[in-house]
Structure formats: C-alpha cells, structure tokens
C-alpha atoms as a PDB file:
ATOM      1  CA  UNK A   1       3.991 -32.182  -3.451  1.00  0.00           C
ATOM      2  CA  UNK A   2       5.170 -30.640  -0.184  1.00  0.00           C
ATOM      3  CA  UNK A   3       3.415 -27.694   1.400  1.00  0.00           C
ATOM      4  CA  UNK A   4       6.460 -25.493   0.797  1.00  0.00           C
ATOM      5  CA  UNK A   5       6.554 -26.434  -2.897  1.00  0.00           C
ATOM      6  CA  UNK A   6       2.794 -25.754  -3.249  1.00  0.00           C
ATOM      7  CA  UNK A   7       3.204 -22.356  -1.600  1.00  0.00           C
ATOM      8  CA  UNK A   8       6.104 -21.544  -3.933  1.00  0.00           C
ATOM      9  CA  UNK A   9       4.013 -22.560  -6.946  1.00  0.00           C
ATOM     10  CA  UNK A  10       1.084 -20.381  -5.847  1.00  0.00           C
ATOM     11  CA  UNK A  11       3.435 -17.463  -5.153  1.00  0.00           C
ATOM     12  CA  UNK A  12       5.041 -17.834  -8.582  1.00  0.00           C
ATOM     13  CA  UNK A  13       1.607 -17.860 -10.220  1.00  0.00           C
ATOM     14  CA  UNK A  14       0.659 -14.687  -8.330  1.00  0.00           C
ATOM     15  CA  UNK A  15       3.882 -12.985  -9.366  1.00  0.00           C
ATOM     16  CA  UNK A  16       3.362 -13.899 -13.014  1.00  0.00           C
ATOM     17  CA  UNK A  17      -0.144 -12.428 -13.043  1.00  0.00           C
ATOM     18  CA  UNK A  18       0.600  -9.392 -10.854  1.00  0.00           C
ATOM     19  CA  UNK A  19      -0.212  -5.960 -12.213  1.00  0.00           C
ATOM     20  CA  UNK A  20       1.397  -2.589 -11.637  1.00  0.00           C
ATOM     21  CA  UNK A  21      -0.175   0.616 -10.366  1.00  0.00           C
ATOM     22  CA  UNK A  22      -0.868   2.908 -13.278  1.00  0.00           C
ATOM     23  CA  UNK A  23      -1.814   6.542 -13.075  1.00  0.00           C
ATOM     24  CA  UNK A  24      -5.016   7.553 -14.795  1.00  0.00           C
ATOM     25  CA  UNK A  25      -5.530  10.933 -16.476  1.00  0.00           C
ATOM     26  CA  UNK A  26      -7.060  12.354 -13.266  1.00  0.00           C
ATOM     27  CA  UNK A  27      -3.820  11.719 -11.387  1.00  0.00           C
ATOM     28  CA  UNK A  28      -5.113   8.855  -9.236  1.00  0.00           C
ATOM     29  CA  UNK A  29      -3.763   5.352  -9.319  1.00  0.00           C
ATOM     30  CA  UNK A  30      -5.504   2.032  -9.426  1.00  0.00           C
ATOM     31  CA  UNK A  31      -5.332  -0.787  -6.937  1.00  0.00           C
ATOM     32  CA  UNK A  32      -2.838  -3.479  -7.797  1.00  0.00           C
ATOM     33  CA  UNK A  33      -2.817  -7.222  -7.701  1.00  0.00           C
ATOM     34  CA  UNK A  34       0.355  -8.264  -5.911  1.00  0.00           C
ATOM     35  CA  UNK A  35       1.778 -11.294  -4.247  1.00  0.00           C
ATOM     36  CA  UNK A  36       0.703 -10.981  -0.604  1.00  0.00           C
ATOM     37  CA  UNK A  37       3.574 -11.106   1.834  1.00  0.00           C
ATOM     38  CA  UNK A  38       6.309 -10.292  -0.704  1.00  0.00           C
ATOM     39  CA  UNK A  39       9.345 -10.389   1.620  1.00  0.00           C
ATOM     40  CA  UNK A  40      10.965  -7.428  -0.164  1.00  0.00           C
ATOM     41  CA  UNK A  41       7.933  -5.201   0.471  1.00  0.00           C
ATOM     42  CA  UNK A  42       6.999  -3.060   3.445  1.00  0.00           C
ATOM     43  CA  UNK A  43       3.377  -4.067   4.123  1.00  0.00           C
ATOM     44  CA  UNK A  44       1.031  -1.798   6.084  1.00  0.00           C
ATOM     45  CA  UNK A  45      -2.429  -3.046   7.069  1.00  0.00           C
ATOM     46  CA  UNK A  46      -5.006  -0.242   7.415  1.00  0.00           C
ATOM     47  CA  UNK A  47      -8.498  -0.587   8.852  1.00  0.00           C
ATOM     48  CA  UNK A  48     -11.203   2.065   8.607  1.00  0.00           C
ATOM     49  CA  UNK A  49     -14.367   1.123  10.525  1.00  0.00           C
ATOM     50  CA  UNK A  50     -17.157   3.031  12.264  1.00  0.00           C
ATOM     51  CA  UNK A  51     -15.249   6.319  12.021  1.00  0.00           C
ATOM     52  CA  UNK A  52     -12.072   4.856  13.510  1.00  0.00           C
ATOM     53  CA  UNK A  53      -8.722   4.471  11.709  1.00  0.00           C
ATOM     54  CA  UNK A  54      -5.957   2.055  12.581  1.00  0.00           C
ATOM     55  CA  UNK A  55      -3.028   2.537  12.667  1.00  0.00           C
ATOM     56  CA  UNK A  56      -2.617   6.256  13.355  1.00  0.00           C
ATOM     57  CA  UNK A  57       0.818   7.788  12.717  1.00  0.00           C
ATOM     58  CA  UNK A  58       2.657   4.488  12.902  1.00  0.00           C
ATOM     59  CA  UNK A  59       6.399   4.791  12.191  1.00  0.00           C
ATOM     60  CA  UNK A  60       7.954   2.445   9.618  1.00  0.00           C
ATOM     61  CA  UNK A  61      11.187   2.290   7.634  1.00  0.00           C
ATOM     62  CA  UNK A  62      11.805   1.609   3.951  1.00  0.00           C
ATOM     63  CA  UNK A  63      14.571   1.974   1.406  1.00  0.00           C
ATOM     64  CA  UNK A  64      14.524   4.043  -1.780  1.00  0.00           C
ATOM     65  CA  UNK A  65      12.955   1.889  -4.501  1.00  0.00           C
ATOM     66  CA  UNK A  66      11.623  -0.717  -2.037  1.00  0.00           C
ATOM     67  CA  UNK A  67       7.982  -1.645  -2.731  1.00  0.00           C
ATOM     68  CA  UNK A  68       5.490  -0.432  -0.138  1.00  0.00           C
ATOM     69  CA  UNK A  69       2.150  -2.208  -0.099  1.00  0.00           C
ATOM     70  CA  UNK A  70      -0.891  -0.805   1.693  1.00  0.00           C
ATOM     71  CA  UNK A  71      -3.691  -3.290   2.411  1.00  0.00           C
ATOM     72  CA  UNK A  72      -6.973  -1.548   3.280  1.00  0.00           C
ATOM     73  CA  UNK A  73     -10.192  -2.833   4.817  1.00  0.00           C
ATOM     74  CA  UNK A  74     -12.723  -0.008   4.911  1.00  0.00           C
ATOM     75  CA  UNK A  75     -16.419   0.525   5.539  1.00  0.00           C
ATOM     76  CA  UNK A  76     -16.372   3.926   3.819  1.00  0.00           C
ATOM     77  CA  UNK A  77     -14.800   5.805   0.921  1.00  0.00           C
ATOM     78  CA  UNK A  78     -11.715   7.953   1.339  1.00  0.00           C
ATOM     79  CA  UNK A  79      -8.541   8.873  -0.478  1.00  0.00           C
ATOM     80  CA  UNK A  80      -5.056   7.779   0.543  1.00  0.00           C
ATOM     81  CA  UNK A  81      -2.398  10.327  -0.357  1.00  0.00           C
ATOM     82  CA  UNK A  82       1.310   9.468  -0.275  1.00  0.00           C
ATOM     83  CA  UNK A  83       3.404  12.622   0.235  1.00  0.00           C
ATOM     84  CA  UNK A  84       6.521  11.351  -1.543  1.00  0.00           C
ATOM     85  CA  UNK A  85       8.536  11.822  -4.684  1.00  0.00           C
ATOM     86  CA  UNK A  86       6.734  10.768  -6.757  1.00  0.00           C
ATOM     87  CA  UNK A  87       3.392  11.456  -5.065  1.00  0.00           C
ATOM     88  CA  UNK A  88       0.631   8.849  -5.215  1.00  0.00           C
ATOM     89  CA  UNK A  89      -3.119   9.029  -4.673  1.00  0.00           C
ATOM     90  CA  UNK A  90      -5.262   5.933  -4.198  1.00  0.00           C
ATOM     91  CA  UNK A  91      -9.088   5.922  -4.061  1.00  0.00           C
ATOM     92  CA  UNK A  92     -10.444   3.837  -1.180  1.00  0.00           C
ATOM     93  CA  UNK A  93     -13.876   2.258  -1.450  1.00  0.00           C
ATOM     94  CA  UNK A  94     -16.010   0.473   1.113  1.00  0.00           C
ATOM     95  CA  UNK A  95     -14.462  -2.985   0.670  1.00  0.00           C
ATOM     96  CA  UNK A  96     -11.940  -5.360   2.165  1.00  0.00           C
ATOM     97  CA  UNK A  97      -8.589  -6.478   0.795  1.00  0.00           C
ATOM     98  CA  UNK A  98      -7.799  -3.380  -1.271  1.00  0.00           C
ATOM     99  CA  UNK A  99      -4.103  -3.395  -2.195  1.00  0.00           C
ATOM    100  CA  UNK A 100      -2.073  -0.389  -3.252  1.00  0.00           C
ATOM    101  CA  UNK A 101       1.614  -0.612  -4.129  1.00  0.00           C
ATOM    102  CA  UNK A 102       4.178   2.107  -4.765  1.00  0.00           C
ATOM    103  CA  UNK A 103       7.850   2.966  -4.383  1.00  0.00           C
ATOM    104  CA  UNK A 104       9.599   6.113  -3.181  1.00  0.00           C
ATOM    105  CA  UNK A 105      12.457   7.550  -5.238  1.00  0.00           C
ATOM    106  CA  UNK A 106      13.800  10.195  -2.835  1.00  0.00           C
ATOM    107  CA  UNK A 107      14.932   9.534   0.758  1.00  0.00           C
ATOM    108  CA  UNK A 108      13.239  11.340   3.651  1.00  0.00           C
ATOM    109  CA  UNK A 109      10.001  11.347   5.661  1.00  0.00           C
ATOM    110  CA  UNK A 110       6.937  10.203   3.749  1.00  0.00           C
ATOM    111  CA  UNK A 111       3.478  10.629   5.230  1.00  0.00           C
ATOM    112  CA  UNK A 112       0.539   8.497   4.143  1.00  0.00           C
ATOM    113  CA  UNK A 113      -2.667  10.304   4.992  1.00  0.00           C
ATOM    114  CA  UNK A 114      -6.374   9.709   4.641  1.00  0.00           C
ATOM    115  CA  UNK A 115      -7.940  12.905   3.311  1.00  0.00           C
ATOM    116  CA  UNK A 116     -11.546  12.536   4.487  1.00  0.00           C
ATOM    117  CA  UNK A 117     -10.612  11.058   7.873  1.00  0.00           C
ATOM    118  CA  UNK A 118      -7.878  13.717   8.322  1.00  0.00           C
ATOM    119  CA  UNK A 119      -5.486  11.104   9.722  1.00  0.00           C
ATOM    120  CA  UNK A 120      -1.858  10.306   9.046  1.00  0.00           C
ATOM    121  CA  UNK A 121      -1.827   6.515   8.920  1.00  0.00           C
ATOM    122  CA  UNK A 122       1.901   5.893   8.567  1.00  0.00           C
ATOM    123  CA  UNK A 123       5.065   7.946   8.435  1.00  0.00           C
ATOM    124  CA  UNK A 124       7.807   6.159   6.501  1.00  0.00           C
ATOM    125  CA  UNK A 125      11.450   6.984   7.065  1.00  0.00           C
ATOM    126  CA  UNK A 126      12.890   6.256   3.628  1.00  0.00           C
ATOM    127  CA  UNK A 127      16.660   5.751   3.518  1.00  0.00           C
ATOM    128  CA  UNK A 128      18.863   5.972   0.441  1.00  0.00           C
END
C-alpha cells in the first residue's frame, strides 16, 4: 500500500470516528475529535506557556459555515471565548493537543479571546 493510500485510509478512519462539539447545560462546549489538517478548516495553533500566549491578535480569514479548529497546548487553565454568532466557550486545561471546532454563521469580525490571560488570540474576518 502506498504512503498516500495509507494516509487516506487513516484520514477516512478519523473522519468516521470524529465527534462534534456539543454545548452542555452550563453553556460551555466540549473538545472535539477531528481529522487534523482538514483542508476545508481554518486551523489556529495556540500555545500558552509560562504566562506567555502565542499568537496574540493574529489576523485570519474564514467563510461563513467554514470549520475553524483551534489546537491548544497549555500549561494552565483558561477559557477560550469566541465572540461570534453563535458564541462559543471552550474550557482549556493544562494539557497538549486540545482541539476545539466551531463554525460562524454571520459574516464580520470574530475575536477569539482567552479570559484569564486577557488576550485576543485571533481575529477572524468572516466573509459571507
């Protein structure tokens, strides 16, 4: 089996077992299991370490309904808030490889901020 065919098989398996973010009664959402590197997704890697956040106010573009995936490596707890329609809140724990996935339904500027760190990580320009 070629490397490309193996990669496609693994990707298909990941897609078949992928979950969706689901809101809990408290209004937060759970981490999701997604296929890493989904070409249709906007992927943002976030690192929180020793009181430092990266990136800070990075500018990215997305389309209405396009999946946005945030991959977080953190050494502390925080809360990621997506100021969009609909809004999303994701709890961050001290762990690596946390994945959060959402879509935006209304075009405009969407800020993703860390509440405890008081940092805007990414500002998405979402086009219709």
